[in-house]
PDB file of N, CA and C in Angstrom:
ATOM      1  N   GLN A   1    -137.897 -65.732  49.074  1.00  0.00           N
ATOM      2  CA  GLN A   1    -138.936 -66.450  49.621  1.00  0.00           C
ATOM      3  C   GLN A   1    -139.699 -66.620  48.066  1.00  0.00           C
ATOM      4  N   VAL A   2    -139.961 -68.104  48.024  1.00  0.00           N
ATOM      5  CA  VAL A   2    -140.918 -68.448  46.782  1.00  0.00           C
ATOM      6  C   VAL A   2    -142.105 -67.933  46.884  1.00  0.00           C
ATOM      7  N   PRO A   3    -142.665 -67.013  45.570  1.00  0.00           N
ATOM      8  CA  PRO A   3    -144.013 -66.432  45.813  1.00  0.00           C
ATOM      9  C   PRO A   3    -145.152 -67.431  45.583  1.00  0.00           C
ATOM     10  N   VAL A   4    -144.857 -68.757  45.328  1.00  0.00           N
ATOM     11  CA  VAL A   4    -145.993 -69.831  44.979  1.00  0.00           C
ATOM     12  C   VAL A   4    -145.617 -70.909  46.040  1.00  0.00           C
ATOM     13  N   VAL A   5    -146.596 -71.363  46.907  1.00  0.00           N
ATOM     14  CA  VAL A   5    -146.425 -72.476  47.619  1.00  0.00           C
ATOM     15  C   VAL A   5    -147.530 -73.202  47.712  1.00  0.00           C
ATOM     16  N   GLU A   6    -147.264 -74.692  47.473  1.00  0.00           N
ATOM     17  CA  GLU A   6    -148.412 -75.636  47.516  1.00  0.00           C
ATOM     18  C   GLU A   6    -148.557 -76.258  48.899  1.00  0.00           C
ATOM     19  N   SER A   7    -149.790 -76.756  49.155  1.00  0.00           N
ATOM     20  CA  SER A   7    -150.078 -77.608  50.336  1.00  0.00           C
ATOM     21  C   SER A   7    -151.021 -78.518  50.042  1.00  0.00           C
ATOM     22  N   GLY A   8    -151.558 -79.455  51.035  1.00  0.00           N
ATOM     23  CA  GLY A   8    -152.447 -80.347  50.813  1.00  0.00           C
ATOM     24  C   GLY A   8    -152.380 -81.665  50.429  1.00  0.00           C
ATOM     25  N   GLY A   9    -151.295 -82.011  50.016  1.00  0.00           N
ATOM     26  CA  GLY A   9    -150.826 -83.398  49.287  1.00  0.00           C
ATOM     27  C   GLY A   9    -151.026 -84.493  50.426  1.00  0.00           C
ATOM     28  N   ALA A  10    -151.460 -85.530  50.190  1.00  0.00           N
ATOM     29  CA  ALA A  10    -151.474 -86.879  51.290  1.00  0.00           C
ATOM     30  C   ALA A  10    -151.584 -87.957  50.788  1.00  0.00           C
ATOM     31  N   LEU A  11    -151.534 -88.980  51.577  1.00  0.00           N
ATOM     32  CA  LEU A  11    -151.875 -90.513  51.149  1.00  0.00           C
ATOM     33  C   LEU A  11    -153.377 -90.637  51.402  1.00  0.00           C
ATOM     34  N   VAL A  12    -154.097 -91.058  50.360  1.00  0.00           N
ATOM     35  CA  VAL A  12    -155.353 -91.306  50.346  1.00  0.00           C
ATOM     36  C   VAL A  12    -155.724 -92.497  49.642  1.00  0.00           C
ATOM     37  N   GLN A  13    -156.742 -93.187  49.790  1.00  0.00           N
ATOM     38  CA  GLN A  13    -157.344 -94.384  49.398  1.00  0.00           C
ATOM     39  C   GLN A  13    -158.081 -94.052  47.813  1.00  0.00           C
ATOM     40  N   PRO A  14    -158.038 -95.077  47.134  1.00  0.00           N
ATOM     41  CA  PRO A  14    -158.888 -94.958  45.825  1.00  0.00           C
ATOM     42  C   PRO A  14    -160.371 -94.335  46.208  1.00  0.00           C
ATOM     43  N   GLY A  15    -160.974 -93.343  45.384  1.00  0.00           N
ATOM     44  CA  GLY A  15    -162.246 -92.800  45.526  1.00  0.00           C
ATOM     45  C   GLY A  15    -162.341 -91.744  46.509  1.00  0.00           C
ATOM     46  N   GLU A  16    -161.346 -91.491  47.202  1.00  0.00           N
ATOM     47  CA  GLU A  16    -161.189 -90.369  48.265  1.00  0.00           C
ATOM     48  C   GLU A  16    -161.078 -89.025  47.586  1.00  0.00           C
ATOM     49  N   SER A  17    -161.023 -87.922  48.380  1.00  0.00           N
ATOM     50  CA  SER A  17    -160.894 -86.622  47.925  1.00  0.00           C
ATOM     51  C   SER A  17    -159.811 -85.904  48.581  1.00  0.00           C
ATOM     52  N   LEU A  18    -159.230 -84.998  47.750  1.00  0.00           N
ATOM     53  CA  LEU A  18    -158.126 -84.080  48.376  1.00  0.00           C
ATOM     54  C   LEU A  18    -158.499 -82.737  47.945  1.00  0.00           C
ATOM     55  N   ASN A  19    -158.157 -81.757  48.426  1.00  0.00           N
ATOM     56  CA  ASN A  19    -158.129 -80.222  48.039  1.00  0.00           C
ATOM     57  C   ASN A  19    -156.598 -79.527  48.224  1.00  0.00           C
ATOM     58  N   LEU A  20    -156.022 -79.511  47.210  1.00  0.00           N
ATOM     59  CA  LEU A  20    -154.881 -78.785  47.106  1.00  0.00           C
ATOM     60  C   LEU A  20    -154.836 -77.082  46.925  1.00  0.00           C
ATOM     61  N   SER A  21    -154.122 -76.656  47.817  1.00  0.00           N
ATOM     62  CA  SER A  21    -154.049 -75.304  47.844  1.00  0.00           C
ATOM     63  C   SER A  21    -152.825 -74.739  47.329  1.00  0.00           C
ATOM     64  N   CYS A  22    -152.759 -73.442  46.785  1.00  0.00           N
ATOM     65  CA  CYS A  22    -151.710 -72.853  46.270  1.00  0.00           C
ATOM     66  C   CYS A  22    -151.654 -71.372  46.692  1.00  0.00           C
ATOM     67  N   ALA A  23    -150.727 -71.091  47.690  1.00  0.00           N
ATOM     68  CA  ALA A  23    -150.724 -69.646  48.106  1.00  0.00           C
ATOM     69  C   ALA A  23    -149.758 -68.634  47.423  1.00  0.00           C
ATOM     70  N   VAL A  24    -150.147 -67.758  46.781  1.00  0.00           N
ATOM     71  CA  VAL A  24    -149.393 -66.824  46.058  1.00  0.00           C
ATOM     72  C   VAL A  24    -149.140 -65.492  46.804  1.00  0.00           C
ATOM     73  N   SER A  25    -147.827 -65.116  46.684  1.00  0.00           N
ATOM     74  CA  SER A  25    -147.583 -63.779  47.211  1.00  0.00           C
ATOM     75  C   SER A  25    -146.463 -63.049  46.313  1.00  0.00           C
ATOM     76  N   ARG A  26    -146.503 -61.770  46.815  1.00  0.00           N
ATOM     77  CA  ARG A  26    -145.587 -60.730  46.234  1.00  0.00           C
ATOM     78  C   ARG A  26    -145.666 -60.518  44.650  1.00  0.00           C
ATOM     79  N   ILE A  27    -146.684 -60.748  44.333  1.00  0.00           N
ATOM     80  CA  ILE A  27    -147.000 -60.477  42.914  1.00  0.00           C
ATOM     81  C   ILE A  27    -148.508 -60.050  42.844  1.00  0.00           C
ATOM     82  N   TYR A  28    -148.677 -59.258  41.724  1.00  0.00           N
ATOM     83  CA  TYR A  28    -150.203 -59.145  41.594  1.00  0.00           C
ATOM     84  C   TYR A  28    -151.075 -60.208  41.029  1.00  0.00           C
ATOM     85  N   PHE A  29    -151.550 -61.089  41.813  1.00  0.00           N
ATOM     86  CA  PHE A  29    -152.197 -62.398  41.331  1.00  0.00           C
ATOM     87  C   PHE A  29    -153.129 -62.051  40.257  1.00  0.00           C
ATOM     88  N   ARG A  30    -154.034 -61.087  40.404  1.00  0.00           N
ATOM     89  CA  ARG A  30    -155.075 -60.859  39.411  1.00  0.00           C
ATOM     90  C   ARG A  30    -154.479 -60.859  38.132  1.00  0.00           C
ATOM     91  N   ALA A  31    -153.352 -60.669  37.855  1.00  0.00           N
ATOM     92  CA  ALA A  31    -152.759 -60.514  36.380  1.00  0.00           C
ATOM     93  C   ALA A  31    -152.131 -61.802  35.907  1.00  0.00           C
ATOM     94  N   TYR A  32    -152.439 -62.715  36.666  1.00  0.00           N
ATOM     95  CA  TYR A  32    -151.659 -64.138  36.266  1.00  0.00           C
ATOM     96  C   TYR A  32    -152.681 -65.211  36.071  1.00  0.00           C
ATOM     97  N   HIS A  33    -152.514 -65.986  35.026  1.00  0.00           N
ATOM     98  CA  HIS A  33    -153.181 -67.163  34.621  1.00  0.00           C
ATOM     99  C   HIS A  33    -152.588 -68.262  36.014  1.00  0.00           C
ATOM    100  N   ALA A  34    -153.271 -69.232  36.031  1.00  0.00           N
ATOM    101  CA  ALA A  34    -152.837 -70.233  37.131  1.00  0.00           C
ATOM    102  C   ALA A  34    -152.928 -71.567  36.649  1.00  0.00           C
ATOM    103  N   ASN A  35    -152.075 -72.545  36.917  1.00  0.00           N
ATOM    104  CA  ASN A  35    -152.162 -73.971  36.419  1.00  0.00           C
ATOM    105  C   ASN A  35    -151.704 -74.845  37.579  1.00  0.00           C
ATOM    106  N   TRP A  36    -152.308 -75.960  37.396  1.00  0.00           N
ATOM    107  CA  TRP A  36    -151.837 -77.114  38.204  1.00  0.00           C
ATOM    108  C   TRP A  36    -151.155 -78.155  37.228  1.00  0.00           C
ATOM    109  N   TYR A  37    -150.075 -78.420  37.361  1.00  0.00           N
ATOM    110  CA  TYR A  37    -149.262 -79.486  36.676  1.00  0.00           C
ATOM    111  C   TYR A  37    -149.136 -80.772  37.800  1.00  0.00           C
ATOM    112  N   ARG A  38    -148.981 -82.005  37.132  1.00  0.00           N
ATOM    113  CA  ARG A  38    -148.243 -82.982  38.001  1.00  0.00           C
ATOM    114  C   ARG A  38    -147.311 -83.886  37.323  1.00  0.00           C
ATOM    115  N   GLN A  39    -146.442 -84.474  38.056  1.00  0.00           N
ATOM    116  CA  GLN A  39    -145.176 -85.129  37.601  1.00  0.00           C
ATOM    117  C   GLN A  39    -145.018 -86.587  38.154  1.00  0.00           C
ATOM    118  N   THR A  40    -144.541 -87.407  37.393  1.00  0.00           N
ATOM    119  CA  THR A  40    -144.270 -89.001  37.999  1.00  0.00           C
ATOM    120  C   THR A  40    -142.913 -89.038  37.727  1.00  0.00           C
ATOM    121  N   PRO A  41    -142.386 -89.920  38.393  1.00  0.00           N
ATOM    122  CA  PRO A  41    -140.947 -90.218  38.241  1.00  0.00           C
ATOM    123  C   PRO A  41    -140.633 -90.739  36.757  1.00  0.00           C
ATOM    124  N   GLY A  42    -139.618 -90.040  36.297  1.00  0.00           N
ATOM    125  CA  GLY A  42    -139.189 -90.488  34.839  1.00  0.00           C
ATOM    126  C   GLY A  42    -140.101 -89.820  33.759  1.00  0.00           C
ATOM    127  N   ASN A  43    -141.129 -88.811  34.046  1.00  0.00           N
ATOM    128  CA  ASN A  43    -141.716 -88.381  33.181  1.00  0.00           C
ATOM    129  C   ASN A  43    -141.885 -86.815  33.469  1.00  0.00           C
ATOM    130  N   GLN A  44    -142.070 -86.041  32.273  1.00  0.00           N
ATOM    131  CA  GLN A  44    -142.061 -84.767  32.260  1.00  0.00           C
ATOM    132  C   GLN A  44    -143.493 -84.209  33.073  1.00  0.00           C
ATOM    133  N   ARG A  45    -143.307 -82.942  33.571  1.00  0.00           N
ATOM    134  CA  ARG A  45    -144.737 -82.239  34.201  1.00  0.00           C
ATOM    135  C   ARG A  45    -145.660 -82.320  33.111  1.00  0.00           C
ATOM    136  N   ALA A  46    -146.883 -82.545  33.273  1.00  0.00           N
ATOM    137  CA  ALA A  46    -148.115 -82.537  32.586  1.00  0.00           C
ATOM    138  C   ALA A  46    -149.109 -81.681  33.298  1.00  0.00           C
ATOM    139  N   LEU A  47    -149.719 -80.731  32.298  1.00  0.00           N
ATOM    140  CA  LEU A  47    -150.586 -79.836  32.677  1.00  0.00           C
ATOM    141  C   LEU A  47    -152.109 -80.700  33.050  1.00  0.00           C
ATOM    142  N   VAL A  48    -152.432 -80.354  34.117  1.00  0.00           N
ATOM    143  CA  VAL A  48    -153.643 -81.102  34.707  1.00  0.00           C
ATOM    144  C   VAL A  48    -155.152 -80.161  34.602  1.00  0.00           C
ATOM    145  N   ALA A  49    -154.788 -78.844  34.998  1.00  0.00           N
ATOM    146  CA  ALA A  49    -156.007 -77.938  34.895  1.00  0.00           C
ATOM    147  C   ALA A  49    -155.668 -76.615  34.854  1.00  0.00           C
ATOM    148  N   SER A  50    -156.273 -75.550  34.417  1.00  0.00           N
ATOM    149  CA  SER A  50    -155.770 -74.316  34.278  1.00  0.00           C
ATOM    150  C   SER A  50    -157.054 -73.273  34.421  1.00  0.00           C
ATOM    151  N   ILE A  51    -156.684 -72.206  34.932  1.00  0.00           N
ATOM    152  CA  ILE A  51    -157.606 -71.134  35.091  1.00  0.00           C
ATOM    153  C   ILE A  51    -157.101 -69.887  34.838  1.00  0.00           C
ATOM    154  N   THR A  52    -157.543 -69.048  33.734  1.00  0.00           N
ATOM    155  CA  THR A  52    -157.034 -67.836  33.226  1.00  0.00           C
ATOM    156  C   THR A  52    -157.392 -66.738  34.354  1.00  0.00           C
ATOM    157  N   ALA A  53    -156.858 -65.634  34.104  1.00  0.00           N
ATOM    158  CA  ALA A  53    -156.922 -64.467  35.041  1.00  0.00           C
ATOM    159  C   ALA A  53    -158.469 -64.096  35.034  1.00  0.00           C
ATOM    160  N   GLY A  54    -159.066 -64.347  33.973  1.00  0.00           N
ATOM    161  CA  GLY A  54    -160.562 -64.098  33.991  1.00  0.00           C
ATOM    162  C   GLY A  54    -161.434 -65.154  34.409  1.00  0.00           C
ATOM    163  N   GLY A  55    -160.774 -66.318  34.826  1.00  0.00           N
ATOM    164  CA  GLY A  55    -161.593 -67.276  35.210  1.00  0.00           C
ATOM    165  C   GLY A  55    -161.952 -68.469  34.693  1.00  0.00           C
ATOM    166  N   THR A  56    -161.757 -68.458  33.239  1.00  0.00           N
ATOM    167  CA  THR A  56    -162.089 -69.677  32.422  1.00  0.00           C
ATOM    168  C   THR A  56    -161.231 -70.735  32.753  1.00  0.00           C
ATOM    169  N   THR A  57    -161.825 -72.019  32.706  1.00  0.00           N
ATOM    170  CA  THR A  57    -161.068 -73.129  33.121  1.00  0.00           C
ATOM    171  C   THR A  57    -160.956 -74.055  32.170  1.00  0.00           C
ATOM    172  N   ASN A  58    -159.934 -74.950  32.062  1.00  0.00           N
ATOM    173  CA  ASN A  58    -159.536 -76.030  31.230  1.00  0.00           C
ATOM    174  C   ASN A  58    -158.989 -77.301  31.913  1.00  0.00           C
ATOM    175  N   TYR A  59    -159.277 -78.393  31.602  1.00  0.00           N
ATOM    176  CA  TYR A  59    -158.966 -79.534  32.118  1.00  0.00           C
ATOM    177  C   TYR A  59    -158.357 -80.560  31.220  1.00  0.00           C
ATOM    178  N   VAL A  60    -157.395 -81.428  31.543  1.00  0.00           N
ATOM    179  CA  VAL A  60    -156.904 -82.674  30.749  1.00  0.00           C
ATOM    180  C   VAL A  60    -158.230 -83.575  30.786  1.00  0.00           C
ATOM    181  N   ASP A  61    -158.358 -84.507  29.781  1.00  0.00           N
ATOM    182  CA  ASP A  61    -159.253 -85.313  29.786  1.00  0.00           C
ATOM    183  C   ASP A  61    -159.511 -86.143  30.804  1.00  0.00           C
ATOM    184  N   SER A  62    -158.456 -86.871  31.203  1.00  0.00           N
ATOM    185  CA  SER A  62    -158.342 -87.761  32.426  1.00  0.00           C
ATOM    186  C   SER A  62    -158.859 -87.243  33.741  1.00  0.00           C
ATOM    187  N   VAL A  63    -158.992 -85.928  33.913  1.00  0.00           N
ATOM    188  CA  VAL A  63    -159.547 -85.405  35.032  1.00  0.00           C
ATOM    189  C   VAL A  63    -160.778 -84.698  35.099  1.00  0.00           C
ATOM    190  N   LYS A  64    -161.442 -84.733  33.965  1.00  0.00           N
ATOM    191  CA  LYS A  64    -162.751 -83.991  33.630  1.00  0.00           C
ATOM    192  C   LYS A  64    -163.676 -84.588  34.373  1.00  0.00           C
ATOM    193  N   GLY A  65    -164.468 -83.857  35.372  1.00  0.00           N
ATOM    194  CA  GLY A  65    -165.613 -84.309  36.003  1.00  0.00           C
ATOM    195  C   GLY A  65    -165.240 -84.913  37.372  1.00  0.00           C
ATOM    196  N   ARG A  66    -164.017 -84.791  37.657  1.00  0.00           N
ATOM    197  CA  ARG A  66    -163.256 -85.265  39.035  1.00  0.00           C
ATOM    198  C   ARG A  66    -162.708 -84.199  39.476  1.00  0.00           C
ATOM    199  N   PHE A  67    -161.778 -83.395  38.991  1.00  0.00           N
ATOM    200  CA  PHE A  67    -161.204 -82.263  39.489  1.00  0.00           C
ATOM    201  C   PHE A  67    -161.642 -80.798  39.343  1.00  0.00           C
ATOM    202  N   THR A  68    -161.694 -79.960  40.126  1.00  0.00           N
ATOM    203  CA  THR A  68    -162.298 -78.444  39.983  1.00  0.00           C
ATOM    204  C   THR A  68    -161.134 -77.533  40.487  1.00  0.00           C
ATOM    205  N   ILE A  69    -160.718 -76.781  39.248  1.00  0.00           N
ATOM    206  CA  ILE A  69    -159.674 -75.531  39.602  1.00  0.00           C
ATOM    207  C   ILE A  69    -160.565 -74.297  39.977  1.00  0.00           C
ATOM    208  N   SER A  70    -159.966 -73.662  40.990  1.00  0.00           N
ATOM    209  CA  SER A  70    -160.622 -72.573  41.212  1.00  0.00           C
ATOM    210  C   SER A  70    -159.494 -71.466  41.716  1.00  0.00           C
ATOM    211  N   ARG A  71    -160.051 -70.187  41.635  1.00  0.00           N
ATOM    212  CA  ARG A  71    -159.020 -68.980  42.222  1.00  0.00           C
ATOM    213  C   ARG A  71    -159.972 -68.161  43.342  1.00  0.00           C
ATOM    214  N   ASP A  72    -159.198 -67.543  44.266  1.00  0.00           N
ATOM    215  CA  ASP A  72    -159.722 -66.539  45.020  1.00  0.00           C
ATOM    216  C   ASP A  72    -158.790 -65.367  45.042  1.00  0.00           C
ATOM    217  N   ASN A  73    -159.206 -64.388  44.176  1.00  0.00           N
ATOM    218  CA  ASN A  73    -158.134 -63.354  43.904  1.00  0.00           C
ATOM    219  C   ASN A  73    -158.100 -62.402  45.320  1.00  0.00           C
ATOM    220  N   ALA A  74    -158.948 -62.579  45.992  1.00  0.00           N
ATOM    221  CA  ALA A  74    -158.940 -61.588  47.387  1.00  0.00           C
ATOM    222  C   ALA A  74    -157.977 -62.216  48.267  1.00  0.00           C
ATOM    223  N   LYS A  75    -157.821 -63.706  48.152  1.00  0.00           N
ATOM    224  CA  LYS A  75    -156.781 -64.271  49.082  1.00  0.00           C
ATOM    225  C   LYS A  75    -155.376 -64.579  48.563  1.00  0.00           C
ATOM    226  N   ASN A  76    -155.514 -64.474  47.117  1.00  0.00           N
ATOM    227  CA  ASN A  76    -154.234 -64.714  46.496  1.00  0.00           C
ATOM    228  C   ASN A  76    -154.126 -66.238  46.468  1.00  0.00           C
ATOM    229  N   MET A  77    -155.247 -66.977  46.267  1.00  0.00           N
ATOM    230  CA  MET A  77    -155.103 -68.547  46.368  1.00  0.00           C
ATOM    231  C   MET A  77    -155.545 -69.326  45.107  1.00  0.00           C
ATOM    232  N   VAL A  78    -155.030 -70.233  44.778  1.00  0.00           N
ATOM    233  CA  VAL A  78    -155.569 -71.198  43.835  1.00  0.00           C
ATOM    234  C   VAL A  78    -155.726 -72.729  44.436  1.00  0.00           C
ATOM    235  N   TYR A  79    -156.992 -73.279  44.043  1.00  0.00           N
ATOM    236  CA  TYR A  79    -157.404 -74.472  44.678  1.00  0.00           C
ATOM    237  C   TYR A  79    -157.538 -75.505  43.583  1.00  0.00           C
ATOM    238  N   LEU A  80    -157.101 -76.839  43.816  1.00  0.00           N
ATOM    239  CA  LEU A  80    -157.502 -77.722  42.939  1.00  0.00           C
ATOM    240  C   LEU A  80    -158.426 -78.907  43.903  1.00  0.00           C
ATOM    241  N   GLN A  81    -159.582 -79.095  43.573  1.00  0.00           N
ATOM    242  CA  GLN A  81    -160.524 -80.022  44.467  1.00  0.00           C
ATOM    243  C   GLN A  81    -160.415 -81.386  43.410  1.00  0.00           C
ATOM    244  N   MET A  82    -159.834 -82.452  44.107  1.00  0.00           N
ATOM    245  CA  MET A  82    -159.848 -83.525  43.541  1.00  0.00           C
ATOM    246  C   MET A  82    -160.800 -84.736  44.146  1.00  0.00           C
ATOM    247  N   ASN A  83    -161.951 -85.128  43.262  1.00  0.00           N
ATOM    248  CA  ASN A  83    -162.482 -85.964  43.897  1.00  0.00           C
ATOM    249  C   ASN A  83    -162.448 -87.426  43.175  1.00  0.00           C
ATOM    250  N   GLY A  84    -162.775 -88.501  43.606  1.00  0.00           N
ATOM    251  CA  GLY A  84    -162.860 -89.943  42.958  1.00  0.00           C
ATOM    252  C   GLY A  84    -161.374 -90.198  42.628  1.00  0.00           C
ATOM    253  N   LEU A  85    -160.414 -89.911  43.404  1.00  0.00           N
ATOM    254  CA  LEU A  85    -159.138 -90.116  43.074  1.00  0.00           C
ATOM    255  C   LEU A  85    -158.676 -91.608  42.852  1.00  0.00           C
ATOM    256  N   ARG A  86    -157.783 -91.762  41.965  1.00  0.00           N
ATOM    257  CA  ARG A  86    -157.414 -92.960  41.113  1.00  0.00           C
ATOM    258  C   ARG A  86    -155.991 -93.170  41.449  1.00  0.00           C
ATOM    259  N   VAL A  87    -155.495 -94.419  41.323  1.00  0.00           N
ATOM    260  CA  VAL A  87    -154.037 -94.742  41.571  1.00  0.00           C
ATOM    261  C   VAL A  87    -153.167 -94.089  40.630  1.00  0.00           C
ATOM    262  N   ASP A  88    -153.784 -93.821  39.458  1.00  0.00           N
ATOM    263  CA  ASP A  88    -153.018 -93.188  38.505  1.00  0.00           C
ATOM    264  C   ASP A  88    -153.087 -91.568  38.589  1.00  0.00           C
ATOM    265  N   ASP A  89    -153.681 -91.095  39.462  1.00  0.00           N
ATOM    266  CA  ASP A  89    -153.445 -89.759  40.026  1.00  0.00           C
ATOM    267  C   ASP A  89    -152.160 -89.605  40.946  1.00  0.00           C
ATOM    268  N   THR A  90    -151.726 -90.605  41.095  1.00  0.00           N
ATOM    269  CA  THR A  90    -150.386 -90.449  42.225  1.00  0.00           C
ATOM    270  C   THR A  90    -149.308 -89.506  41.516  1.00  0.00           C
ATOM    271  N   ALA A  91    -148.857 -88.492  42.053  1.00  0.00           N
ATOM    272  CA  ALA A  91    -147.715 -87.665  41.409  1.00  0.00           C
ATOM    273  C   ALA A  91    -147.480 -86.465  42.428  1.00  0.00           C
ATOM    274  N   VAL A  92    -146.405 -85.778  42.003  1.00  0.00           N
ATOM    275  CA  VAL A  92    -146.300 -84.510  42.737  1.00  0.00           C
ATOM    276  C   VAL A  92    -146.863 -83.392  41.982  1.00  0.00           C
ATOM    277  N   TYR A  93    -147.523 -82.780  42.342  1.00  0.00           N
ATOM    278  CA  TYR A  93    -148.553 -81.605  42.038  1.00  0.00           C
ATOM    279  C   TYR A  93    -147.798 -80.323  42.233  1.00  0.00           C
ATOM    280  N   TYR A  94    -147.676 -79.635  41.136  1.00  0.00           N
ATOM    281  CA  TYR A  94    -147.113 -78.339  41.055  1.00  0.00           C
ATOM    282  C   TYR A  94    -148.068 -77.202  40.562  1.00  0.00           C
ATOM    283  N   CYS A  95    -147.967 -76.138  41.437  1.00  0.00           N
ATOM    284  CA  CYS A  95    -148.705 -74.969  41.117  1.00  0.00           C
ATOM    285  C   CYS A  95    -147.928 -74.029  40.030  1.00  0.00           C
ATOM    286  N   ASN A  96    -148.623 -73.486  39.240  1.00  0.00           N
ATOM    287  CA  ASN A  96    -147.593 -72.555  38.476  1.00  0.00           C
ATOM    288  C   ASN A  96    -148.453 -71.328  38.154  1.00  0.00           C
ATOM    289  N   VAL A  97    -147.831 -70.292  38.170  1.00  0.00           N
ATOM    290  CA  VAL A  97    -148.629 -68.971  37.755  1.00  0.00           C
ATOM    291  C   VAL A  97    -147.984 -68.140  36.717  1.00  0.00           C
ATOM    292  N   ARG A  98    -148.493 -67.672  35.472  1.00  0.00           N
ATOM    293  CA  ARG A  98    -147.791 -67.185  34.353  1.00  0.00           C
ATOM    294  C   ARG A  98    -148.549 -65.797  34.176  1.00  0.00           C
ATOM    295  N   ASN A  99    -147.874 -64.468  34.015  1.00  0.00           N
ATOM    296  CA  ASN A  99    -148.485 -63.512  33.945  1.00  0.00           C
ATOM    297  C   ASN A  99    -149.023 -63.293  32.492  1.00  0.00           C
ATOM    298  N   GLN A 100    -150.165 -62.835  32.489  1.00  0.00           N
ATOM    299  CA  GLN A 100    -150.895 -62.686  31.256  1.00  0.00           C
ATOM    300  C   GLN A 100    -150.266 -61.973  30.151  1.00  0.00           C
ATOM    301  N   PHE A 101    -149.439 -60.865  30.559  1.00  0.00           N
ATOM    302  CA  PHE A 101    -149.033 -59.863  29.534  1.00  0.00           C
ATOM    303  C   PHE A 101    -147.716 -60.009  29.268  1.00  0.00           C
ATOM    304  N   SER A 102    -146.862 -61.142  29.934  1.00  0.00           N
ATOM    305  CA  SER A 102    -145.393 -61.083  29.908  1.00  0.00           C
ATOM    306  C   SER A 102    -144.972 -62.642  29.966  1.00  0.00           C
ATOM    307  N   SER A 103    -143.766 -63.187  30.070  1.00  0.00           N
ATOM    308  CA  SER A 103    -143.505 -64.486  30.028  1.00  0.00           C
ATOM    309  C   SER A 103    -143.028 -64.774  31.428  1.00  0.00           C
ATOM    310  N   GLN A 104    -142.976 -63.833  32.339  1.00  0.00           N
ATOM    311  CA  GLN A 104    -143.055 -64.043  33.801  1.00  0.00           C
ATOM    312  C   GLN A 104    -143.671 -65.255  34.415  1.00  0.00           C
ATOM    313  N   ALA A 105    -143.238 -66.328  34.903  1.00  0.00           N
ATOM    314  CA  ALA A 105    -143.894 -67.324  35.463  1.00  0.00           C
ATOM    315  C   ALA A 105    -143.126 -67.760  36.863  1.00  0.00           C
ATOM    316  N   TYR A 106    -143.885 -68.375  37.681  1.00  0.00           N
ATOM    317  CA  TYR A 106    -143.105 -69.113  38.863  1.00  0.00           C
ATOM    318  C   TYR A 106    -143.861 -70.315  39.134  1.00  0.00           C
ATOM    319  N   TRP A 107    -142.923 -71.158  39.657  1.00  0.00           N
ATOM    320  CA  TRP A 107    -143.380 -72.515  40.173  1.00  0.00           C
ATOM    321  C   TRP A 107    -143.231 -72.533  41.610  1.00  0.00           C
ATOM    322  N   GLY A 108    -144.194 -73.508  42.407  1.00  0.00           N
ATOM    323  CA  GLY A 108    -144.092 -73.867  43.526  1.00  0.00           C
ATOM    324  C   GLY A 108    -143.161 -75.064  43.658  1.00  0.00           C
ATOM    325  N   GLN A 109    -143.155 -75.500  44.846  1.00  0.00           N
ATOM    326  CA  GLN A 109    -141.967 -76.625  45.177  1.00  0.00           C
ATOM    327  C   GLN A 109    -142.624 -78.025  45.112  1.00  0.00           C
ATOM    328  N   GLY A 110    -143.931 -78.131  44.976  1.00  0.00           N
ATOM    329  CA  GLY A 110    -144.830 -79.314  44.408  1.00  0.00           C
ATOM    330  C   GLY A 110    -145.077 -79.894  45.931  1.00  0.00           C
ATOM    331  N   THR A 111    -146.388 -80.600  45.879  1.00  0.00           N
ATOM    332  CA  THR A 111    -146.851 -81.338  46.868  1.00  0.00           C
ATOM    333  C   THR A 111    -147.132 -82.624  46.401  1.00  0.00           C
ATOM    334  N   GLN A 112    -146.903 -83.798  47.185  1.00  0.00           N
ATOM    335  CA  GLN A 112    -147.090 -85.197  46.907  1.00  0.00           C
ATOM    336  C   GLN A 112    -148.504 -85.636  47.323  1.00  0.00           C
ATOM    337  N   VAL A 113    -149.054 -86.224  46.010  1.00  0.00           N
ATOM    338  CA  VAL A 113    -150.284 -86.776  46.202  1.00  0.00           C
ATOM    339  C   VAL A 113    -150.168 -88.435  45.809  1.00  0.00           C
ATOM    340  N   THR A 114    -150.460 -89.309  46.991  1.00  0.00           N
ATOM    341  CA  THR A 114    -150.349 -90.687  46.699  1.00  0.00           C
ATOM    342  C   THR A 114    -151.742 -91.247  47.066  1.00  0.00           C
ATOM    343  N   VAL A 115    -152.153 -92.138  45.831  1.00  0.00           N
ATOM    344  CA  VAL A 115    -153.351 -92.659  45.736  1.00  0.00           C
ATOM    345  C   VAL A 115    -153.212 -94.154  45.896  1.00  0.00           C
ATOM    346  N   SER A 116    -153.425 -94.912  46.989  1.00  0.00           N
ATOM    347  CA  SER A 116    -153.017 -96.371  47.184  1.00  0.00           C
ATOM    348  C   SER A 116    -154.060 -96.900  48.190  1.00  0.00           C
ATOM    349  N   SER A 117    -154.453 -98.355  47.962  1.00  0.00           N
ATOM    350  CA  SER A 117    -155.186 -99.119  49.017  1.00  0.00           C
ATOM    351  C   SER A 117    -154.385 -99.667  49.805  1.00  0.00           C
TER     352      SER A 117
END
């Protein structure tokens, strides 16, 4: 069983919002940094937002002010609230968790976000 599972992707119109969820299991989540990446066809996965085990967040410039990453350690969840979605936000979004003390990391299977009018 994959310890990281994303959900929440959908087809939306420009300007709308989505909240992606990432459920983490079978690991001690509090010891892991968490990241959201996205990938479009023909391109490598690109980091969108990150949150450290301690709660510090960072964003790529193109989503600053529109996306918010958060985590709930009690529920073993990571979220990506996406507001003001644009056509160029269309991608498969992946959740990644990485142990802060080692190289151990896990990826989810991805969730499709499509922004189109």
